[in-house]
C-alpha atoms as a PDB file:
ATOM      1  CA  UNK A   1      77.798 103.605  82.934  1.00  0.00           C
ATOM      2  CA  UNK A   2      78.647 104.497  86.463  1.00  0.00           C
ATOM      3  CA  UNK A   3      81.930 106.095  85.346  1.00  0.00           C
ATOM      4  CA  UNK A   4      80.009 108.362  82.963  1.00  0.00           C
ATOM      5  CA  UNK A   5      77.750 109.511  85.758  1.00  0.00           C
ATOM      6  CA  UNK A   6      80.726 110.270  87.977  1.00  0.00           C
ATOM      7  CA  UNK A   7      82.409 112.301  85.253  1.00  0.00           C
ATOM      8  CA  UNK A   8      79.188 114.189  84.586  1.00  0.00           C
ATOM      9  CA  UNK A   9      78.825 115.045  88.274  1.00  0.00           C
ATOM     10  CA  UNK A  10      82.376 116.342  88.387  1.00  0.00           C
ATOM     11  CA  UNK A  11      81.757 118.497  85.368  1.00  0.00           C
ATOM     12  CA  UNK A  12      78.620 119.951  86.972  1.00  0.00           C
ATOM     13  CA  UNK A  13      80.512 120.723  90.161  1.00  0.00           C
ATOM     14  CA  UNK A  14      83.340 122.383  88.233  1.00  0.00           C
ATOM     15  CA  UNK A  15      80.889 124.523  86.288  1.00  0.00           C
ATOM     16  CA  UNK A  16      79.111 125.625  89.437  1.00  0.00           C
ATOM     17  CA  UNK A  17      82.378 126.579  91.144  1.00  0.00           C
ATOM     18  CA  UNK A  18      83.475 128.514  88.073  1.00  0.00           C
ATOM     19  CA  UNK A  19      80.194 130.428  87.907  1.00  0.00           C
ATOM     20  CA  UNK A  20      80.385 131.341  91.591  1.00  0.00           C
ATOM     21  CA  UNK A  21      83.953 132.568  91.203  1.00  0.00           C
ATOM     22  CA  UNK A  22      83.051 134.649  88.150  1.00  0.00           C
ATOM     23  CA  UNK A  23      80.033 136.108  89.941  1.00  0.00           C
ATOM     24  CA  UNK A  24      82.185 137.204  92.863  1.00  0.00           C
ATOM     25  CA  UNK A  25      84.737 138.879  90.615  1.00  0.00           C
ATOM     26  CA  UNK A  26      82.071 140.535  88.463  1.00  0.00           C
ATOM     27  CA  UNK A  27      80.467 141.895  91.633  1.00  0.00           C
ATOM     28  CA  UNK A  28      83.814 143.334  92.726  1.00  0.00           C
ATOM     29  CA  UNK A  29      84.400 145.056  89.397  1.00  0.00           C
ATOM     30  CA  UNK A  30      80.878 146.345  88.841  1.00  0.00           C
ATOM     31  CA  UNK A  31      79.836 147.365  92.337  1.00  0.00           C
ATOM     32  CA  UNK A  32      83.197 148.443  93.725  1.00  0.00           C
ATOM     33  CA  UNK A  33      83.203 151.909  95.385  1.00  0.00           C
ATOM     34  CA  UNK A  34      86.073 154.316  95.930  1.00  0.00           C
ATOM     35  CA  UNK A  35      87.025 152.329  99.013  1.00  0.00           C
ATOM     36  CA  UNK A  36      87.848 155.312 101.239  1.00  0.00           C
ATOM     37  CA  UNK A  37      86.505 158.594 102.672  1.00  0.00           C
ATOM     38  CA  UNK A  38      88.124 161.907 103.660  1.00  0.00           C
ATOM     39  CA  UNK A  39      86.995 164.249 106.460  1.00  0.00           C
ATOM     40  CA  UNK A  40      88.486 167.525 107.627  1.00  0.00           C
ATOM     41  CA  UNK A  41      87.750 170.976 109.080  1.00  0.00           C
ATOM     42  CA  UNK A  42      85.386 173.436 107.396  1.00  0.00           C
ATOM     43  CA  UNK A  43      87.425 176.522 108.341  1.00  0.00           C
ATOM     44  CA  UNK A  44      91.178 176.966 108.819  1.00  0.00           C
ATOM     45  CA  UNK A  45      93.092 180.074 109.879  1.00  0.00           C
ATOM     46  CA  UNK A  46      95.651 181.397 107.426  1.00  0.00           C
ATOM     47  CA  UNK A  47      99.156 180.233 108.377  1.00  0.00           C
ATOM     48  CA  UNK A  48      98.024 177.472 110.725  1.00  0.00           C
ATOM     49  CA  UNK A  49      98.060 173.677 110.368  1.00  0.00           C
ATOM     50  CA  UNK A  50      95.154 171.405 109.515  1.00  0.00           C
ATOM     51  CA  UNK A  51      94.586 167.636 109.662  1.00  0.00           C
ATOM     52  CA  UNK A  52      92.456 165.397 107.449  1.00  0.00           C
ATOM     53  CA  UNK A  53      91.363 161.870 108.361  1.00  0.00           C
ATOM     54  CA  UNK A  54      91.433 159.239 105.606  1.00  0.00           C
ATOM     55  CA  UNK A  55      89.415 156.084 106.358  1.00  0.00           C
ATOM     56  CA  UNK A  56      89.655 153.021 104.119  1.00  0.00           C
ATOM     57  CA  UNK A  57      86.864 150.470 103.942  1.00  0.00           C
ATOM     58  CA  UNK A  58      87.323 147.204 105.786  1.00  0.00           C
ATOM     59  CA  UNK A  59      87.717 145.303 102.494  1.00  0.00           C
ATOM     60  CA  UNK A  60      90.640 147.497 101.357  1.00  0.00           C
ATOM     61  CA  UNK A  61      94.124 146.127 101.743  1.00  0.00           C
ATOM     62  CA  UNK A  62      97.682 146.864 100.579  1.00  0.00           C
ATOM     63  CA  UNK A  63      97.266 150.510 101.645  1.00  0.00           C
ATOM     64  CA  UNK A  64     100.186 152.753 100.726  1.00  0.00           C
ATOM     65  CA  UNK A  65      99.306 156.432 101.193  1.00  0.00           C
ATOM     66  CA  UNK A  66     102.165 158.928 100.945  1.00  0.00           C
ATOM     67  CA  UNK A  67     102.483 162.710 100.716  1.00  0.00           C
ATOM     68  CA  UNK A  68     102.896 162.400  96.936  1.00  0.00           C
ATOM     69  CA  UNK A  69      99.336 161.006  96.715  1.00  0.00           C
ATOM     70  CA  UNK A  70      97.848 164.217  98.164  1.00  0.00           C
ATOM     71  CA  UNK A  71      96.869 167.005  95.791  1.00  0.00           C
ATOM     72  CA  UNK A  72      96.071 170.515  97.105  1.00  0.00           C
ATOM     73  CA  UNK A  73      93.234 172.305  95.320  1.00  0.00           C
ATOM     74  CA  UNK A  74      93.096 176.120  95.505  1.00  0.00           C
ATOM     75  CA  UNK A  75      95.664 176.644  98.262  1.00  0.00           C
ATOM     76  CA  UNK A  76      99.203 175.793  99.304  1.00  0.00           C
ATOM     77  CA  UNK A  77     101.002 174.418 102.354  1.00  0.00           C
ATOM     78  CA  UNK A  78     104.588 174.311 103.513  1.00  0.00           C
ATOM     79  CA  UNK A  79     104.560 170.541 104.008  1.00  0.00           C
ATOM     80  CA  UNK A  80     102.399 167.415 103.823  1.00  0.00           C
ATOM     81  CA  UNK A  81     102.791 164.596 106.327  1.00  0.00           C
ATOM     82  CA  UNK A  82     101.018 161.214 106.424  1.00  0.00           C
ATOM     83  CA  UNK A  83     100.725 159.179 109.626  1.00  0.00           C
ATOM     84  CA  UNK A  84      98.559 156.393 111.033  1.00  0.00           C
ATOM     85  CA  UNK A  85      98.247 152.720 110.367  1.00  0.00           C
ATOM     86  CA  UNK A  86      95.779 150.073 109.314  1.00  0.00           C
ATOM     87  CA  UNK A  87      92.680 151.442 107.620  1.00  0.00           C
ATOM     88  CA  UNK A  88      92.952 154.941 109.196  1.00  0.00           C
ATOM     89  CA  UNK A  89      95.530 157.491 108.030  1.00  0.00           C
ATOM     90  CA  UNK A  90      96.048 161.151 108.952  1.00  0.00           C
ATOM     91  CA  UNK A  91      97.185 163.878 106.571  1.00  0.00           C
ATOM     92  CA  UNK A  92      98.719 166.952 108.224  1.00  0.00           C
ATOM     93  CA  UNK A  93      99.168 170.143 106.213  1.00  0.00           C
ATOM     94  CA  UNK A  94     101.475 172.759 107.779  1.00  0.00           C
ATOM     95  CA  UNK A  95     101.348 176.537 107.330  1.00  0.00           C
ATOM     96  CA  UNK A  96      98.237 176.618 105.143  1.00  0.00           C
ATOM     97  CA  UNK A  97      98.030 179.668 102.851  1.00  0.00           C
ATOM     98  CA  UNK A  98      95.252 180.825 100.584  1.00  0.00           C
ATOM     99  CA  UNK A  99      91.785 182.387 100.692  1.00  0.00           C
ATOM    100  CA  UNK A 100      88.205 181.778  99.686  1.00  0.00           C
ATOM    101  CA  UNK A 101      85.843 178.914 100.409  1.00  0.00           C
ATOM    102  CA  UNK A 102      86.449 176.442  97.547  1.00  0.00           C
ATOM    103  CA  UNK A 103      89.605 174.813  98.848  1.00  0.00           C
ATOM    104  CA  UNK A 104      89.964 171.018  99.066  1.00  0.00           C
ATOM    105  CA  UNK A 105      92.378 168.089  98.834  1.00  0.00           C
ATOM    106  CA  UNK A 106      92.322 165.035  96.570  1.00  0.00           C
ATOM    107  CA  UNK A 107      93.616 161.578  97.416  1.00  0.00           C
ATOM    108  CA  UNK A 108      95.034 159.983  94.268  1.00  0.00           C
ATOM    109  CA  UNK A 109      93.762 156.653  92.947  1.00  0.00           C
ATOM    110  CA  UNK A 110      95.536 153.394  93.690  1.00  0.00           C
ATOM    111  CA  UNK A 111      96.467 153.948  97.354  1.00  0.00           C
ATOM    112  CA  UNK A 112      94.846 150.603  98.216  1.00  0.00           C
ATOM    113  CA  UNK A 113      93.139 147.527  96.741  1.00  0.00           C
ATOM    114  CA  UNK A 114      89.510 146.546  97.172  1.00  0.00           C
ATOM    115  CA  UNK A 115      89.213 142.831  97.893  1.00  0.00           C
ATOM    116  CA  UNK A 116      92.886 142.595  96.887  1.00  0.00           C
ATOM    117  CA  UNK A 117      91.877 143.036  93.253  1.00  0.00           C
ATOM    118  CA  UNK A 118      90.594 146.521  92.384  1.00  0.00           C
ATOM    119  CA  UNK A 119      92.545 149.727  93.002  1.00  0.00           C
ATOM    120  CA  UNK A 120      90.848 152.402  95.082  1.00  0.00           C
ATOM    121  CA  UNK A 121      89.512 155.399  93.179  1.00  0.00           C
ATOM    122  CA  UNK A 122      90.574 158.994  93.627  1.00  0.00           C
ATOM    123  CA  UNK A 123      88.467 160.978  96.082  1.00  0.00           C
ATOM    124  CA  UNK A 124      88.171 164.697  96.883  1.00  0.00           C
ATOM    125  CA  UNK A 125      87.342 166.115 100.310  1.00  0.00           C
ATOM    126  CA  UNK A 126      84.618 168.606 101.076  1.00  0.00           C
ATOM    127  CA  UNK A 127      85.537 172.245 100.489  1.00  0.00           C
ATOM    128  CA  UNK A 128      86.779 174.424 103.350  1.00  0.00           C
ATOM    129  CA  UNK A 129      87.372 178.139 103.979  1.00  0.00           C
ATOM    130  CA  UNK A 130      90.667 179.858 104.696  1.00  0.00           C
ATOM    131  CA  UNK A 131      90.306 182.996 106.818  1.00  0.00           C
ATOM    132  CA  UNK A 132      92.696 185.370 108.542  1.00  0.00           C
ATOM    133  CA  UNK A 133      92.574 185.817 112.305  1.00  0.00           C
ATOM    134  CA  UNK A 134      91.433 189.421 111.866  1.00  0.00           C
ATOM    135  CA  UNK A 135      88.494 188.242 109.742  1.00  0.00           C
ATOM    136  CA  UNK A 136      87.428 185.854 112.496  1.00  0.00           C
ATOM    137  CA  UNK A 137      87.820 188.563 115.154  1.00  0.00           C
ATOM    138  CA  UNK A 138      85.743 191.010 113.091  1.00  0.00           C
ATOM    139  CA  UNK A 139      82.994 188.451 112.632  1.00  0.00           C
ATOM    140  CA  UNK A 140      82.838 187.779 116.375  1.00  0.00           C
ATOM    141  CA  UNK A 141      82.520 191.515 117.154  1.00  0.00           C
ATOM    142  CA  UNK A 142      80.221 192.410 114.263  1.00  0.00           C
ATOM    143  CA  UNK A 143      77.007 194.185 115.456  1.00  0.00           C
ATOM    144  CA  UNK A 144      73.662 192.533 114.961  1.00  0.00           C
ATOM    145  CA  UNK A 145      72.024 193.405 111.643  1.00  0.00           C
ATOM    146  CA  UNK A 146      68.976 195.763 111.666  1.00  0.00           C
ATOM    147  CA  UNK A 147      66.696 192.920 110.607  1.00  0.00           C
ATOM    148  CA  UNK A 148      67.662 191.011 113.732  1.00  0.00           C
ATOM    149  CA  UNK A 149      67.106 194.112 115.855  1.00  0.00           C
ATOM    150  CA  UNK A 150      63.636 194.550 114.417  1.00  0.00           C
ATOM    151  CA  UNK A 151      62.869 190.931 115.068  1.00  0.00           C
ATOM    152  CA  UNK A 152      64.060 191.266 118.649  1.00  0.00           C
ATOM    153  CA  UNK A 153      62.020 194.432 119.116  1.00  0.00           C
ATOM    154  CA  UNK A 154      58.922 192.692 117.836  1.00  0.00           C
ATOM    155  CA  UNK A 155      59.340 189.937 120.343  1.00  0.00           C
ATOM    156  CA  UNK A 156      59.621 192.344 123.303  1.00  0.00           C
ATOM    157  CA  UNK A 157      56.340 192.507 125.136  1.00  0.00           C
ATOM    158  CA  UNK A 158      54.936 195.892 125.997  1.00  0.00           C
ATOM    159  CA  UNK A 159      54.612 196.574 129.715  1.00  0.00           C
ATOM    160  CA  UNK A 160      51.087 196.355 131.006  1.00  0.00           C
ATOM    161  CA  UNK A 161      49.503 198.982 133.236  1.00  0.00           C
ATOM    162  CA  UNK A 162      49.878 197.890 136.844  1.00  0.00           C
ATOM    163  CA  UNK A 163      46.597 197.322 138.688  1.00  0.00           C
ATOM    164  CA  UNK A 164      45.380 199.985 141.034  1.00  0.00           C
ATOM    165  CA  UNK A 165      46.340 199.249 144.599  1.00  0.00           C
ATOM    166  CA  UNK A 166      43.117 199.700 146.551  1.00  0.00           C
ATOM    167  CA  UNK A 167      44.902 199.116 149.815  1.00  0.00           C
ATOM    168  CA  UNK A 168      47.262 201.992 149.137  1.00  0.00           C
ATOM    169  CA  UNK A 169      44.384 204.287 148.201  1.00  0.00           C
ATOM    170  CA  UNK A 170      42.482 203.337 151.296  1.00  0.00           C
ATOM    171  CA  UNK A 171      45.497 203.933 153.455  1.00  0.00           C
ATOM    172  CA  UNK A 172      46.101 207.229 151.734  1.00  0.00           C
ATOM    173  CA  UNK A 173      42.531 208.373 152.371  1.00  0.00           C
ATOM    174  CA  UNK A 174      42.580 207.431 156.074  1.00  0.00           C
ATOM    175  CA  UNK A 175      44.536 210.510 157.234  1.00  0.00           C
ATOM    176  CA  UNK A 176      42.076 212.777 155.412  1.00  0.00           C
ATOM    177  CA  UNK A 177      39.138 211.123 157.132  1.00  0.00           C
ATOM    178  CA  UNK A 178      40.737 211.407 160.554  1.00  0.00           C
ATOM    179  CA  UNK A 179      41.643 215.028 159.876  1.00  0.00           C
ATOM    180  CA  UNK A 180      38.048 215.731 158.857  1.00  0.00           C
ATOM    181  CA  UNK A 181      36.805 214.137 162.076  1.00  0.00           C
ATOM    182  CA  UNK A 182      39.229 216.217 164.134  1.00  0.00           C
ATOM    183  CA  UNK A 183      38.031 219.375 162.383  1.00  0.00           C
ATOM    184  CA  UNK A 184      34.401 218.512 163.083  1.00  0.00           C
ATOM    185  CA  UNK A 185      35.126 217.854 166.761  1.00  0.00           C
ATOM    186  CA  UNK A 186      37.054 221.094 167.048  1.00  0.00           C
ATOM    187  CA  UNK A 187      34.245 222.961 165.349  1.00  0.00           C
ATOM    188  CA  UNK A 188      31.672 221.458 167.695  1.00  0.00           C
ATOM    189  CA  UNK A 189      33.782 222.382 170.731  1.00  0.00           C
ATOM    190  CA  UNK A 190      34.151 225.886 169.424  1.00  0.00           C
ATOM    191  CA  UNK A 191      30.399 226.195 168.894  1.00  0.00           C
ATOM    192  CA  UNK A 192      29.753 224.917 172.406  1.00  0.00           C
ATOM    193  CA  UNK A 193      32.194 227.458 173.824  1.00  0.00           C
ATOM    194  CA  UNK A 194      30.568 230.204 171.805  1.00  0.00           C
ATOM    195  CA  UNK A 195      27.150 229.164 173.066  1.00  0.00           C
ATOM    196  CA  UNK A 196      28.372 229.084 176.636  1.00  0.00           C
ATOM    197  CA  UNK A 197      29.958 232.515 176.229  1.00  0.00           C
ATOM    198  CA  UNK A 198      26.776 233.871 174.702  1.00  0.00           C
ATOM    199  CA  UNK A 199      24.685 232.451 177.520  1.00  0.00           C
ATOM    200  CA  UNK A 200      27.094 233.840 180.086  1.00  0.00           C
ATOM    201  CA  UNK A 201      27.037 237.246 178.407  1.00  0.00           C
ATOM    202  CA  UNK A 202      23.243 237.230 178.180  1.00  0.00           C
ATOM    203  CA  UNK A 203      23.006 236.272 181.817  1.00  0.00           C
ATOM    204  CA  UNK A 204      25.358 239.087 182.750  1.00  0.00           C
ATOM    205  CA  UNK A 205      23.355 241.535 180.686  1.00  0.00           C
ATOM    206  CA  UNK A 206      20.134 240.488 182.398  1.00  0.00           C
ATOM    207  CA  UNK A 207      21.719 240.780 185.835  1.00  0.00           C
ATOM    208  CA  UNK A 208      23.003 244.202 184.922  1.00  0.00           C
ATOM    209  CA  UNK A 209      19.594 245.311 183.714  1.00  0.00           C
ATOM    210  CA  UNK A 210      17.986 244.071 186.941  1.00  0.00           C
ATOM    211  CA  UNK A 211      20.520 245.970 188.998  1.00  0.00           C
ATOM    212  CA  UNK A 212      19.946 249.133 186.994  1.00  0.00           C
ATOM    213  CA  UNK A 213      16.192 248.705 187.291  1.00  0.00           C
ATOM    214  CA  UNK A 214      16.426 248.239 191.029  1.00  0.00           C
ATOM    215  CA  UNK A 215      18.587 251.330 191.327  1.00  0.00           C
ATOM    216  CA  UNK A 216      16.137 253.388 189.329  1.00  0.00           C
ATOM    217  CA  UNK A 217      13.259 252.116 191.430  1.00  0.00           C
ATOM    218  CA  UNK A 218      15.061 253.034 194.598  1.00  0.00           C
ATOM    219  CA  UNK A 219      15.748 256.527 193.267  1.00  0.00           C
ATOM    220  CA  UNK A 220      12.151 257.377 192.362  1.00  0.00           C
ATOM    221  CA  UNK A 221      10.518 255.999 195.490  1.00  0.00           C
ATOM    222  CA  UNK A 222       8.903 259.059 197.266  1.00  0.00           C
ATOM    223  CA  UNK A 223       9.462 259.757 200.892  1.00  0.00           C
ATOM    224  CA  UNK A 224       6.533 258.379 202.716  1.00  0.00           C
ATOM    225  CA  UNK A 225       6.629 261.250 205.213  1.00  0.00           C
ATOM    226  CA  UNK A 226       6.870 264.129 202.843  1.00  0.00           C
ATOM    227  CA  UNK A 227       5.680 262.581 199.632  1.00  0.00           C
ATOM    228  CA  UNK A 228       8.695 263.957 197.827  1.00  0.00           C
ATOM    229  CA  UNK A 229      11.044 262.095 195.758  1.00  0.00           C
ATOM    230  CA  UNK A 230      14.351 261.632 197.409  1.00  0.00           C
END
């Protein structure tokens, strides 16, 4: 009886181990991702080199990426070189030629194994533009569009009227006031001089009349001896 129980326990343990193993493998097959990512520049100058970075997930092993696993989409290059080690590899493309903005590269499937079981999937990089140096120079010197000018003009504040400077006005009016005072004083002095001259002239006229009157009186006084006018 005890032997039967021992055998039954062993069978249960074996079944549990088998189910766990199957669950792990099913998870790897069903939920496995591509296992890697590709990043690179968004713009490259015609005729120059460019470098992409290929990063494999930490659970990817047996990585074997070569230049034959790199596919160029929409452009060409003089050469393809792969460098790096471990889970990070670098793809250098020399003398890139082409145009447009829909260029990309594709890493072929099977360059590594996920959990040592599943091959990595193929993956394509983001698209990038190929431009000539003259295109880039023209874009950097291109004038601002009219819409931007209008927007800038709308944001410019109109100058406000400066406040009146009362101090300046007061200072400006001071010379006029002093000049007016000087004119009044001069006018008063002139009037006083005129009055003095008039008084002096009147006094002289009166003295002259008195002298003439005295002379006339002396001339018509009769001689007291003869009674005749001298």
